[in-house]
Amino acid sequence: MQSTTTSNVVLLGRSIRCTHQLALQWVFACGTLTAALLISLSVFVTPWITFAEAQVEVEVGLFKACGRIFNQTNCTSQWQNLAGGDLIGAIMLVCSVVVQLFSFAWFVAITARCPCTSKLRCSLITVAISATSAFVLSLIGLAFIASHRFTKAPGLNLLRAIIDPDMISHHSGPSVVLAMMGVWWTFLNSVISCSILQVRTRMRNHT
């Protein structure tokens, strides 16, 4: 009787751990998808962010807005001079980084603390959808930027929009970097999850 009770407690503990892991993995997958959407949306916003040629490349969005506001006495006119995309684009970029780091932290917690790696299967589909969405939306955003900036160059294609130095340095650089980082990081998470599942399956087959 006692052994039966003990086994039930062990099974209950395993079930709780697996359920907890499943919930965390879904949080990671949804967080990755949210980051992909925010990153892609920031790509759409960047054509309306005004940049000065003499500014440092990293001085975009929030930094530029703060410099305009706090270095001037007339804050009202400075707010009116903002192009709108400055603050919005900065919020999108910052939120993208925060959400992506949050997703990374949850994924590390899952793989480090939860032994029931078989539950990773339940979110691999969502992770794959996240990566696909980030990739497709990023390419659409880049194509939109290309058509917005180079209306007088009908021969411009998507590849030129990605490798064009002026495009990367002054207009869409931060968004492109974050978008590609989100795509490849999501892909890396999928590879890690699949590798863990494969190792677990081999171990079970040997035992």
N, C-alpha and C. Protein backbone atom coordinates (compact mmCIF):
# COMPACT_ATOMS: atom_id res chain seq x y z
N MET A 1 0.83 -1.21 0.00
CA MET A 1 0.00 0.00 0.00
C MET A 1 0.86 1.25 0.00
N GLN A 2 1.89 1.20 0.82
CA GLN A 2 2.78 2.35 0.90
C GLN A 2 3.54 2.56 -0.40
N SER A 3 3.96 1.43 -1.02
CA SER A 3 4.69 1.55 -2.28
C SER A 3 3.79 2.11 -3.38
N THR A 4 2.50 1.70 -3.36
CA THR A 4 1.56 2.23 -4.34
C THR A 4 1.38 3.73 -4.17
N THR A 5 1.24 4.15 -2.90
CA THR A 5 1.10 5.58 -2.62
C THR A 5 2.33 6.35 -3.06
N THR A 6 3.49 5.77 -2.79
CA THR A 6 4.74 6.43 -3.18
C THR A 6 4.83 6.57 -4.69
N SER A 7 4.46 5.48 -5.41
CA SER A 7 4.52 5.55 -6.87
C SER A 7 3.54 6.57 -7.42
N ASN A 8 2.36 6.67 -6.78
CA ASN A 8 1.39 7.67 -7.22
C ASN A 8 1.91 9.08 -7.02
N VAL A 9 2.58 9.29 -5.89
CA VAL A 9 3.16 10.60 -5.62
C VAL A 9 4.24 10.93 -6.65
N VAL A 10 5.06 9.93 -6.99
CA VAL A 10 6.11 10.14 -7.98
C VAL A 10 5.51 10.47 -9.34
N LEU A 11 4.47 9.69 -9.72
CA LEU A 11 3.81 9.97 -11.00
C LEU A 11 3.17 11.34 -11.01
N LEU A 12 2.57 11.73 -9.88
CA LEU A 12 1.97 13.05 -9.79
C LEU A 12 3.02 14.14 -9.92
N GLY A 13 4.18 13.92 -9.26
CA GLY A 13 5.26 14.89 -9.36
C GLY A 13 5.77 15.03 -10.78
N ARG A 14 5.91 13.87 -11.47
CA ARG A 14 6.35 13.93 -12.86
C ARG A 14 5.34 14.65 -13.72
N SER A 15 4.05 14.39 -13.48
CA SER A 15 3.01 15.06 -14.26
C SER A 15 3.04 16.56 -14.05
N ILE A 16 3.23 16.98 -12.81
CA ILE A 16 3.29 18.41 -12.52
C ILE A 16 4.49 19.04 -13.20
N ARG A 17 5.64 18.34 -13.13
CA ARG A 17 6.83 18.90 -13.75
C ARG A 17 6.66 19.02 -15.26
N CYS A 18 6.08 17.99 -15.87
CA CYS A 18 5.88 18.03 -17.31
C CYS A 18 4.87 19.10 -17.71
N THR A 19 3.81 19.23 -16.91
CA THR A 19 2.84 20.28 -17.19
C THR A 19 3.47 21.65 -17.04
N HIS A 20 4.29 21.81 -16.00
CA HIS A 20 4.99 23.07 -15.78
C HIS A 20 5.92 23.38 -16.95
N GLN A 21 6.62 22.36 -17.41
CA GLN A 21 7.53 22.55 -18.54
C GLN A 21 6.75 22.91 -19.80
N LEU A 22 5.62 22.24 -20.01
CA LEU A 22 4.82 22.52 -21.19
C LEU A 22 4.34 23.97 -21.18
N ALA A 23 3.91 24.44 -20.01
CA ALA A 23 3.45 25.83 -19.91
C ALA A 23 4.59 26.80 -20.21
N LEU A 24 5.78 26.53 -19.67
CA LEU A 24 6.92 27.41 -19.92
C LEU A 24 7.32 27.40 -21.39
N GLN A 25 7.23 26.22 -22.00
CA GLN A 25 7.61 26.13 -23.40
C GLN A 25 6.63 26.89 -24.29
N TRP A 26 5.35 26.87 -23.94
CA TRP A 26 4.38 27.65 -24.70
C TRP A 26 4.61 29.14 -24.49
N VAL A 27 5.02 29.52 -23.29
CA VAL A 27 5.36 30.93 -23.05
C VAL A 27 6.53 31.33 -23.94
N PHE A 28 7.53 30.46 -24.04
CA PHE A 28 8.67 30.74 -24.90
C PHE A 28 8.24 30.89 -26.36
N ALA A 29 7.40 29.95 -26.82
CA ALA A 29 6.97 29.99 -28.22
C ALA A 29 6.16 31.25 -28.52
N CYS A 30 5.23 31.57 -27.63
CA CYS A 30 4.42 32.78 -27.83
C CYS A 30 5.28 34.04 -27.72
N GLY A 31 6.26 34.02 -26.81
CA GLY A 31 7.16 35.16 -26.69
C GLY A 31 8.00 35.36 -27.95
N THR A 32 8.43 34.24 -28.53
CA THR A 32 9.20 34.34 -29.77
C THR A 32 8.35 34.90 -30.90
N LEU A 33 7.11 34.43 -30.98
CA LEU A 33 6.22 34.94 -32.02
C LEU A 33 5.94 36.43 -31.82
N THR A 34 5.75 36.84 -30.56
CA THR A 34 5.52 38.26 -30.27
C THR A 34 6.74 39.09 -30.67
N ALA A 35 7.93 38.59 -30.35
CA ALA A 35 9.15 39.30 -30.72
C ALA A 35 9.27 39.42 -32.24
N ALA A 36 8.92 38.34 -32.94
CA ALA A 36 8.98 38.38 -34.40
C ALA A 36 8.03 39.43 -34.97
N LEU A 37 6.84 39.50 -34.41
CA LEU A 37 5.86 40.47 -34.89
C LEU A 37 6.32 41.90 -34.59
N LEU A 38 6.87 42.12 -33.39
CA LEU A 38 7.34 43.45 -33.03
C LEU A 38 8.52 43.87 -33.91
N ILE A 39 9.43 42.93 -34.13
CA ILE A 39 10.58 43.24 -34.98
C ILE A 39 10.13 43.57 -36.40
N SER A 40 9.23 42.76 -36.92
CA SER A 40 8.75 43.00 -38.27
C SER A 40 7.99 44.32 -38.37
N LEU A 41 7.20 44.62 -37.34
CA LEU A 41 6.48 45.89 -37.34
C LEU A 41 7.44 47.07 -37.30
N SER A 42 8.54 46.91 -36.57
CA SER A 42 9.53 47.99 -36.53
C SER A 42 10.17 48.20 -37.89
N VAL A 43 10.28 47.13 -38.68
CA VAL A 43 10.79 47.26 -40.04
C VAL A 43 9.85 48.12 -40.87
N PHE A 44 8.54 47.94 -40.66
CA PHE A 44 7.57 48.75 -41.40
C PHE A 44 7.62 50.21 -40.96
N VAL A 45 7.95 50.46 -39.70
CA VAL A 45 7.93 51.83 -39.18
C VAL A 45 9.14 52.62 -39.64
N THR A 46 10.28 51.94 -39.86
CA THR A 46 11.53 52.65 -40.11
C THR A 46 11.55 53.58 -41.31
N PRO A 47 10.77 53.38 -42.38
CA PRO A 47 10.85 54.36 -43.48
C PRO A 47 10.46 55.77 -43.07
N TRP A 48 9.70 55.92 -41.99
CA TRP A 48 9.27 57.25 -41.58
C TRP A 48 10.15 57.82 -40.47
N ILE A 49 11.20 57.11 -40.10
CA ILE A 49 12.14 57.63 -39.11
C ILE A 49 13.17 58.49 -39.84
N THR A 50 13.26 59.75 -39.49
CA THR A 50 14.19 60.65 -40.17
C THR A 50 15.57 60.56 -39.53
N PHE A 51 16.58 60.45 -40.37
CA PHE A 51 17.95 60.35 -39.90
C PHE A 51 18.78 61.47 -40.52
N ALA A 52 19.69 62.02 -39.74
CA ALA A 52 20.64 62.99 -40.26
C ALA A 52 21.90 62.25 -40.69
N GLU A 53 22.47 62.64 -41.80
CA GLU A 53 23.62 61.93 -42.34
C GLU A 53 24.81 61.96 -41.40
N ALA A 54 24.95 63.04 -40.61
CA ALA A 54 26.12 63.17 -39.75
C ALA A 54 25.96 62.44 -38.42
N GLN A 55 24.79 61.88 -38.15
CA GLN A 55 24.59 61.22 -36.87
C GLN A 55 25.27 59.86 -36.84
N VAL A 56 25.60 59.44 -35.64
CA VAL A 56 26.16 58.11 -35.49
C VAL A 56 25.07 57.09 -35.80
N GLU A 57 25.44 55.96 -36.38
CA GLU A 57 24.45 54.99 -36.82
C GLU A 57 23.59 54.47 -35.69
N VAL A 58 24.17 54.31 -34.50
CA VAL A 58 23.41 53.74 -33.39
C VAL A 58 22.51 54.76 -32.72
N GLU A 59 22.67 56.04 -33.10
CA GLU A 59 21.88 57.09 -32.47
C GLU A 59 20.54 57.19 -33.19
N VAL A 60 19.66 56.27 -32.89
CA VAL A 60 18.36 56.22 -33.56
C VAL A 60 17.26 56.23 -32.52
N GLY A 61 16.05 56.47 -33.01
CA GLY A 61 14.87 56.29 -32.18
C GLY A 61 14.89 57.05 -30.88
N LEU A 62 14.91 56.30 -29.80
CA LEU A 62 14.77 56.87 -28.47
C LEU A 62 15.91 57.83 -28.14
N PHE A 63 17.14 57.46 -28.49
CA PHE A 63 18.28 58.31 -28.19
C PHE A 63 18.17 59.65 -28.91
N LYS A 64 17.75 59.59 -30.15
CA LYS A 64 17.60 60.82 -30.92
C LYS A 64 16.48 61.69 -30.35
N ALA A 65 15.37 61.07 -29.97
CA ALA A 65 14.25 61.81 -29.40
C ALA A 65 14.64 62.47 -28.08
N CYS A 66 15.33 61.73 -27.22
CA CYS A 66 15.75 62.29 -25.94
C CYS A 66 16.73 63.44 -26.14
N GLY A 67 17.63 63.29 -27.12
CA GLY A 67 18.56 64.38 -27.39
C GLY A 67 17.86 65.63 -27.86
N ARG A 68 16.85 65.47 -28.67
CA ARG A 68 16.10 66.63 -29.15
C ARG A 68 15.33 67.30 -28.01
N ILE A 69 14.77 66.50 -27.14
CA ILE A 69 13.88 67.05 -26.11
C ILE A 69 14.67 67.69 -24.98
N PHE A 70 15.60 66.95 -24.40
CA PHE A 70 16.27 67.42 -23.19
C PHE A 70 17.37 68.45 -23.46
N ASN A 71 17.81 68.56 -24.71
CA ASN A 71 18.82 69.56 -25.03
C ASN A 71 18.20 70.88 -25.46
N GLN A 72 16.89 70.96 -25.45
CA GLN A 72 16.20 72.18 -25.86
C GLN A 72 15.28 72.66 -24.75
N THR A 73 15.04 73.97 -24.71
CA THR A 73 14.17 74.52 -23.67
C THR A 73 12.70 74.43 -24.07
N ASN A 74 12.43 74.54 -25.35
CA ASN A 74 11.05 74.50 -25.82
C ASN A 74 10.69 73.06 -26.18
N CYS A 75 10.20 72.33 -25.18
CA CYS A 75 9.90 70.91 -25.41
C CYS A 75 8.71 70.71 -26.32
N THR A 76 7.77 71.65 -26.31
CA THR A 76 6.57 71.50 -27.13
C THR A 76 6.92 71.50 -28.61
N SER A 77 7.74 72.47 -29.02
CA SER A 77 8.12 72.53 -30.43
C SER A 77 8.98 71.33 -30.82
N GLN A 78 9.78 70.85 -29.87
CA GLN A 78 10.61 69.69 -30.17
C GLN A 78 9.77 68.44 -30.38
N TRP A 79 8.73 68.29 -29.57
CA TRP A 79 7.83 67.15 -29.76
C TRP A 79 7.14 67.25 -31.11
N GLN A 80 6.77 68.46 -31.51
CA GLN A 80 6.10 68.63 -32.79
C GLN A 80 7.02 68.34 -33.96
N ASN A 81 8.32 68.55 -33.75
CA ASN A 81 9.28 68.32 -34.82
C ASN A 81 9.62 66.84 -35.00
N LEU A 82 9.27 66.03 -34.03
CA LEU A 82 9.54 64.61 -34.17
C LEU A 82 8.70 64.04 -35.31
N ALA A 83 9.29 63.13 -36.05
CA ALA A 83 8.61 62.59 -37.23
C ALA A 83 7.57 61.54 -36.89
N GLY A 84 7.37 61.24 -35.64
CA GLY A 84 6.40 60.23 -35.26
C GLY A 84 7.02 58.84 -35.24
N GLY A 85 7.78 58.53 -36.27
CA GLY A 85 8.42 57.24 -36.33
C GLY A 85 9.57 57.10 -35.36
N ASP A 86 10.15 58.23 -34.91
CA ASP A 86 11.27 58.17 -33.97
C ASP A 86 10.89 57.41 -32.71
N LEU A 87 9.86 57.90 -32.03
CA LEU A 87 9.45 57.31 -30.76
C LEU A 87 8.83 55.94 -30.97
N ILE A 88 7.98 55.82 -31.97
CA ILE A 88 7.31 54.53 -32.22
C ILE A 88 8.33 53.47 -32.60
N GLY A 89 9.25 53.82 -33.50
CA GLY A 89 10.27 52.87 -33.90
C GLY A 89 11.16 52.45 -32.74
N ALA A 90 11.50 53.42 -31.87
CA ALA A 90 12.32 53.09 -30.71
C ALA A 90 11.59 52.14 -29.77
N ILE A 91 10.31 52.39 -29.54
CA ILE A 91 9.53 51.51 -28.67
C ILE A 91 9.47 50.10 -29.25
N MET A 92 9.28 50.00 -30.55
CA MET A 92 9.21 48.69 -31.18
C MET A 92 10.54 47.94 -31.05
N LEU A 93 11.63 48.65 -31.29
CA LEU A 93 12.94 48.00 -31.22
C LEU A 93 13.27 47.56 -29.80
N VAL A 94 13.02 48.43 -28.82
CA VAL A 94 13.31 48.10 -27.43
C VAL A 94 12.43 46.93 -26.98
N CYS A 95 11.15 46.97 -27.31
CA CYS A 95 10.25 45.88 -26.93
C CYS A 95 10.68 44.57 -27.58
N SER A 96 11.17 44.64 -28.81
CA SER A 96 11.63 43.43 -29.49
C SER A 96 12.79 42.78 -28.73
N VAL A 97 13.75 43.60 -28.34
CA VAL A 97 14.91 43.08 -27.61
C VAL A 97 14.49 42.50 -26.27
N VAL A 98 13.63 43.22 -25.55
CA VAL A 98 13.19 42.76 -24.22
C VAL A 98 12.44 41.44 -24.33
N VAL A 99 11.52 41.36 -25.26
CA VAL A 99 10.74 40.13 -25.41
C VAL A 99 11.63 38.97 -25.85
N GLN A 100 12.58 39.25 -26.73
CA GLN A 100 13.47 38.20 -27.19
C GLN A 100 14.34 37.68 -26.04
N LEU A 101 14.87 38.57 -25.21
CA LEU A 101 15.66 38.16 -24.05
C LEU A 101 14.80 37.40 -23.04
N PHE A 102 13.56 37.84 -22.86
CA PHE A 102 12.64 37.14 -21.96
C PHE A 102 12.40 35.71 -22.45
N SER A 103 12.20 35.56 -23.75
CA SER A 103 12.00 34.23 -24.32
C SER A 103 13.25 33.36 -24.13
N PHE A 104 14.42 33.96 -24.33
CA PHE A 104 15.67 33.23 -24.14
C PHE A 104 15.81 32.74 -22.70
N ALA A 105 15.46 33.59 -21.74
CA ALA A 105 15.56 33.21 -20.33
C ALA A 105 14.64 32.03 -20.00
N TRP A 106 13.44 32.07 -20.53
CA TRP A 106 12.50 30.97 -20.27
C TRP A 106 13.00 29.68 -20.89
N PHE A 107 13.55 29.76 -22.09
CA PHE A 107 14.04 28.56 -22.75
C PHE A 107 15.20 27.94 -21.99
N VAL A 108 16.09 28.78 -21.48
CA VAL A 108 17.20 28.27 -20.67
C VAL A 108 16.67 27.59 -19.42
N ALA A 109 15.68 28.20 -18.78
CA ALA A 109 15.10 27.62 -17.57
C ALA A 109 14.46 26.26 -17.86
N ILE A 110 13.83 26.15 -19.00
CA ILE A 110 13.18 24.88 -19.35
C ILE A 110 14.21 23.78 -19.55
N THR A 111 15.20 24.03 -20.37
CA THR A 111 16.19 23.00 -20.70
C THR A 111 17.09 22.67 -19.52
N ALA A 112 17.29 23.61 -18.61
CA ALA A 112 18.20 23.37 -17.49
C ALA A 112 17.53 22.66 -16.32
N ARG A 113 16.25 22.92 -16.07
CA ARG A 113 15.62 22.43 -14.86
C ARG A 113 14.62 21.31 -15.07
N CYS A 114 14.09 21.15 -16.26
CA CYS A 114 13.01 20.19 -16.49
C CYS A 114 13.54 18.96 -17.22
N PRO A 115 13.46 17.78 -16.61
CA PRO A 115 13.95 16.58 -17.27
C PRO A 115 13.00 16.01 -18.30
N CYS A 116 11.72 16.38 -18.26
CA CYS A 116 10.72 15.79 -19.15
C CYS A 116 10.75 16.47 -20.51
N THR A 117 11.81 16.22 -21.26
CA THR A 117 12.00 16.94 -22.51
C THR A 117 11.05 16.49 -23.61
N SER A 118 10.33 15.38 -23.40
CA SER A 118 9.40 14.93 -24.42
C SER A 118 8.30 15.94 -24.67
N LYS A 119 8.01 16.78 -23.70
CA LYS A 119 6.96 17.78 -23.85
C LYS A 119 7.37 18.92 -24.78
N LEU A 120 8.64 18.94 -25.16
CA LEU A 120 9.07 19.98 -26.10
C LEU A 120 8.39 19.83 -27.45
N ARG A 121 7.91 18.62 -27.75
CA ARG A 121 7.23 18.41 -29.02
C ARG A 121 6.00 19.30 -29.16
N CYS A 122 5.35 19.57 -28.04
CA CYS A 122 4.07 20.28 -28.09
C CYS A 122 4.22 21.71 -28.58
N SER A 123 5.40 22.27 -28.50
CA SER A 123 5.58 23.66 -28.91
C SER A 123 6.50 23.82 -30.11
N LEU A 124 7.05 22.74 -30.64
CA LEU A 124 7.93 22.85 -31.80
C LEU A 124 7.18 23.42 -33.00
N ILE A 125 5.91 23.05 -33.15
CA ILE A 125 5.13 23.59 -34.26
C ILE A 125 4.98 25.09 -34.13
N THR A 126 4.69 25.54 -32.90
CA THR A 126 4.54 26.98 -32.68
C THR A 126 5.85 27.71 -32.91
N VAL A 127 6.96 27.11 -32.49
CA VAL A 127 8.27 27.71 -32.72
C VAL A 127 8.55 27.81 -34.22
N ALA A 128 8.21 26.76 -34.95
CA ALA A 128 8.42 26.79 -36.40
C ALA A 128 7.57 27.88 -37.06
N ILE A 129 6.33 28.02 -36.61
CA ILE A 129 5.48 29.08 -37.13
C ILE A 129 6.06 30.45 -36.81
N SER A 130 6.63 30.59 -35.61
CA SER A 130 7.24 31.86 -35.22
C SER A 130 8.40 32.21 -36.15
N ALA A 131 9.27 31.23 -36.42
CA ALA A 131 10.41 31.49 -37.29
C ALA A 131 9.96 31.84 -38.70
N THR A 132 8.98 31.10 -39.20
CA THR A 132 8.48 31.38 -40.54
C THR A 132 7.85 32.76 -40.63
N SER A 133 7.06 33.11 -39.61
CA SER A 133 6.41 34.43 -39.60
C SER A 133 7.45 35.54 -39.57
N ALA A 134 8.48 35.39 -38.73
CA ALA A 134 9.52 36.41 -38.64
C ALA A 134 10.24 36.57 -39.97
N PHE A 135 10.55 35.45 -40.61
CA PHE A 135 11.27 35.50 -41.88
C PHE A 135 10.44 36.17 -42.97
N VAL A 136 9.19 35.74 -43.12
CA VAL A 136 8.33 36.27 -44.17
C VAL A 136 8.03 37.75 -43.94
N LEU A 137 7.66 38.10 -42.70
CA LEU A 137 7.32 39.49 -42.41
C LEU A 137 8.54 40.41 -42.56
N SER A 138 9.72 39.90 -42.21
CA SER A 138 10.93 40.71 -42.36
C SER A 138 11.22 40.99 -43.83
N LEU A 139 11.06 39.97 -44.67
CA LEU A 139 11.28 40.17 -46.10
C LEU A 139 10.25 41.14 -46.69
N ILE A 140 9.00 41.02 -46.24
CA ILE A 140 7.97 41.95 -46.71
C ILE A 140 8.32 43.38 -46.29
N GLY A 141 8.79 43.53 -45.04
CA GLY A 141 9.18 44.85 -44.57
C GLY A 141 10.33 45.44 -45.37
N LEU A 142 11.33 44.60 -45.69
CA LEU A 142 12.46 45.08 -46.48
C LEU A 142 12.01 45.48 -47.88
N ALA A 143 11.13 44.69 -48.47
CA ALA A 143 10.62 45.03 -49.80
C ALA A 143 9.83 46.33 -49.76
N PHE A 144 9.10 46.54 -48.66
CA PHE A 144 8.33 47.77 -48.52
C PHE A 144 9.25 48.98 -48.42
N ILE A 145 10.33 48.84 -47.65
CA ILE A 145 11.31 49.92 -47.52
C ILE A 145 11.95 50.22 -48.88
N ALA A 146 12.27 49.17 -49.62
CA ALA A 146 12.90 49.36 -50.93
C ALA A 146 11.98 50.12 -51.87
N SER A 147 10.71 49.74 -51.91
CA SER A 147 9.77 50.42 -52.80
C SER A 147 9.50 51.85 -52.34
N HIS A 148 9.63 52.10 -51.02
CA HIS A 148 9.37 53.44 -50.50
C HIS A 148 10.52 54.39 -50.80
N ARG A 149 11.75 53.90 -50.72
CA ARG A 149 12.91 54.78 -50.86
C ARG A 149 13.39 54.89 -52.30
N PHE A 150 13.27 53.85 -53.08
CA PHE A 150 13.85 53.83 -54.41
C PHE A 150 12.76 53.74 -55.47
N THR A 151 11.84 54.67 -55.43
CA THR A 151 10.76 54.67 -56.43
C THR A 151 11.28 55.00 -57.82
N LYS A 152 12.44 55.68 -57.91
CA LYS A 152 13.00 56.05 -59.21
C LYS A 152 13.96 55.00 -59.75
N ALA A 153 14.10 53.90 -59.06
CA ALA A 153 14.99 52.83 -59.51
C ALA A 153 14.19 51.55 -59.71
N PRO A 154 13.57 51.40 -60.88
CA PRO A 154 12.71 50.22 -61.09
C PRO A 154 13.46 48.90 -61.08
N GLY A 155 14.77 48.94 -61.29
CA GLY A 155 15.53 47.70 -61.31
C GLY A 155 15.95 47.21 -59.94
N LEU A 156 15.60 47.93 -58.88
CA LEU A 156 16.00 47.53 -57.53
C LEU A 156 15.26 46.26 -57.12
N ASN A 157 15.98 45.32 -56.56
CA ASN A 157 15.34 44.11 -56.06
C ASN A 157 15.58 43.98 -54.56
N LEU A 158 15.04 42.92 -53.98
CA LEU A 158 15.12 42.74 -52.54
C LEU A 158 16.56 42.54 -52.07
N LEU A 159 17.38 41.86 -52.86
CA LEU A 159 18.77 41.63 -52.47
C LEU A 159 19.52 42.94 -52.34
N ARG A 160 19.31 43.86 -53.28
CA ARG A 160 19.98 45.15 -53.21
C ARG A 160 19.51 45.94 -51.99
N ALA A 161 18.23 45.80 -51.64
CA ALA A 161 17.72 46.50 -50.47
C ALA A 161 18.40 46.02 -49.20
N ILE A 162 18.78 44.74 -49.17
CA ILE A 162 19.41 44.19 -47.98
C ILE A 162 20.88 44.60 -47.89
N ILE A 163 21.59 44.58 -49.03
CA ILE A 163 23.04 44.81 -48.99
C ILE A 163 23.42 46.26 -49.24
N ASP A 164 22.46 47.11 -49.57
CA ASP A 164 22.78 48.51 -49.85
C ASP A 164 23.33 49.19 -48.61
N PRO A 165 24.54 49.76 -48.64
CA PRO A 165 25.14 50.36 -47.44
C PRO A 165 24.31 51.51 -46.86
N ASP A 166 23.79 52.36 -47.74
CA ASP A 166 23.01 53.49 -47.23
C ASP A 166 21.73 53.01 -46.55
N MET A 167 21.12 51.97 -47.09
CA MET A 167 19.92 51.41 -46.50
C MET A 167 20.23 50.86 -45.11
N ILE A 168 21.33 50.12 -45.00
CA ILE A 168 21.65 49.49 -43.72
C ILE A 168 22.11 50.52 -42.70
N SER A 169 22.90 51.49 -43.11
CA SER A 169 23.51 52.39 -42.15
C SER A 169 22.58 53.49 -41.67
N HIS A 170 21.68 53.95 -42.51
CA HIS A 170 20.91 55.14 -42.15
C HIS A 170 19.41 54.92 -42.01
N HIS A 171 18.90 53.80 -42.49
CA HIS A 171 17.45 53.69 -42.50
C HIS A 171 16.94 52.43 -41.81
N SER A 172 17.33 51.27 -42.30
CA SER A 172 16.72 50.06 -41.77
C SER A 172 17.71 49.16 -41.03
N GLY A 173 18.92 49.66 -40.78
CA GLY A 173 19.94 48.83 -40.16
C GLY A 173 19.51 48.13 -38.89
N PRO A 174 19.09 48.88 -37.84
CA PRO A 174 18.71 48.21 -36.58
C PRO A 174 17.58 47.21 -36.76
N SER A 175 16.59 47.56 -37.55
CA SER A 175 15.46 46.66 -37.74
C SER A 175 15.88 45.39 -38.48
N VAL A 176 16.73 45.56 -39.50
CA VAL A 176 17.18 44.39 -40.26
C VAL A 176 17.99 43.47 -39.37
N VAL A 177 18.91 44.03 -38.58
CA VAL A 177 19.74 43.21 -37.70
C VAL A 177 18.87 42.46 -36.70
N LEU A 178 17.92 43.16 -36.07
CA LEU A 178 17.06 42.51 -35.09
C LEU A 178 16.17 41.46 -35.74
N ALA A 179 15.67 41.76 -36.92
CA ALA A 179 14.82 40.79 -37.61
C ALA A 179 15.59 39.51 -37.93
N MET A 180 16.77 39.66 -38.49
CA MET A 180 17.57 38.48 -38.82
C MET A 180 17.99 37.74 -37.55
N MET A 181 18.31 38.48 -36.48
CA MET A 181 18.67 37.84 -35.22
C MET A 181 17.50 37.02 -34.69
N GLY A 182 16.30 37.59 -34.78
CA GLY A 182 15.13 36.86 -34.31
C GLY A 182 14.88 35.60 -35.12
N VAL A 183 15.07 35.68 -36.43
CA VAL A 183 14.85 34.51 -37.29
C VAL A 183 15.84 33.40 -36.95
N TRP A 184 17.13 33.75 -36.90
CA TRP A 184 18.13 32.72 -36.67
C TRP A 184 18.10 32.21 -35.24
N TRP A 185 17.75 33.06 -34.28
CA TRP A 185 17.67 32.59 -32.90
C TRP A 185 16.50 31.62 -32.74
N THR A 186 15.37 31.90 -33.37
CA THR A 186 14.24 30.98 -33.32
C THR A 186 14.60 29.66 -33.99
N PHE A 187 15.31 29.73 -35.10
CA PHE A 187 15.75 28.51 -35.77
C PHE A 187 16.70 27.71 -34.87
N LEU A 188 17.60 28.40 -34.17
CA LEU A 188 18.52 27.72 -33.26
C LEU A 188 17.76 27.03 -32.13
N ASN A 189 16.74 27.69 -31.61
CA ASN A 189 15.93 27.07 -30.56
C ASN A 189 15.26 25.79 -31.07
N SER A 190 14.79 25.82 -32.29
CA SER A 190 14.16 24.63 -32.87
C SER A 190 15.16 23.49 -32.99
N VAL A 191 16.38 23.81 -33.42
CA VAL A 191 17.42 22.79 -33.55
C VAL A 191 17.76 22.20 -32.19
N ILE A 192 17.89 23.05 -31.18
CA ILE A 192 18.19 22.57 -29.83
C ILE A 192 17.09 21.66 -29.32
N SER A 193 15.84 22.07 -29.51
CA SER A 193 14.72 21.26 -29.04
C SER A 193 14.70 19.90 -29.73
N CYS A 194 14.89 19.90 -31.04
CA CYS A 194 14.90 18.64 -31.78
C CYS A 194 16.05 17.74 -31.34
N SER A 195 17.21 18.33 -31.08
CA SER A 195 18.37 17.55 -30.63
C SER A 195 18.10 16.90 -29.28
N ILE A 196 17.48 17.67 -28.37
CA ILE A 196 17.15 17.12 -27.05
C ILE A 196 16.18 15.95 -27.19
N LEU A 197 15.18 16.12 -28.04
CA LEU A 197 14.19 15.06 -28.24
C LEU A 197 14.84 13.82 -28.83
N GLN A 198 15.77 14.00 -29.76
CA GLN A 198 16.43 12.87 -30.38
C GLN A 198 17.29 12.12 -29.37
N VAL A 199 18.00 12.84 -28.53
CA VAL A 199 18.83 12.20 -27.50
C VAL A 199 17.96 11.44 -26.52
N ARG A 200 16.85 12.04 -26.09
CA ARG A 200 15.96 11.38 -25.15
C ARG A 200 15.36 10.11 -25.77
N THR A 201 15.02 10.18 -27.04
CA THR A 201 14.45 9.00 -27.71
C THR A 201 15.46 7.87 -27.79
N ARG A 202 16.71 8.20 -28.10
CA ARG A 202 17.75 7.17 -28.16
C ARG A 202 18.00 6.55 -26.80
N MET A 203 18.01 7.37 -25.75
CA MET A 203 18.22 6.85 -24.41
C MET A 203 17.10 5.91 -24.00
N ARG A 204 15.88 6.24 -24.34
CA ARG A 204 14.75 5.37 -24.00
C ARG A 204 14.81 4.07 -24.79
N ASN A 205 15.24 4.14 -26.03
CA ASN A 205 15.34 2.92 -26.83
C ASN A 205 16.41 1.98 -26.30
N HIS A 206 17.51 2.54 -25.79
CA HIS A 206 18.58 1.71 -25.24
C HIS A 206 18.16 1.06 -23.93
N THR A 207 17.37 1.77 -23.14
CA THR A 207 16.93 1.22 -21.86
C THR A 207 15.77 0.25 -22.04
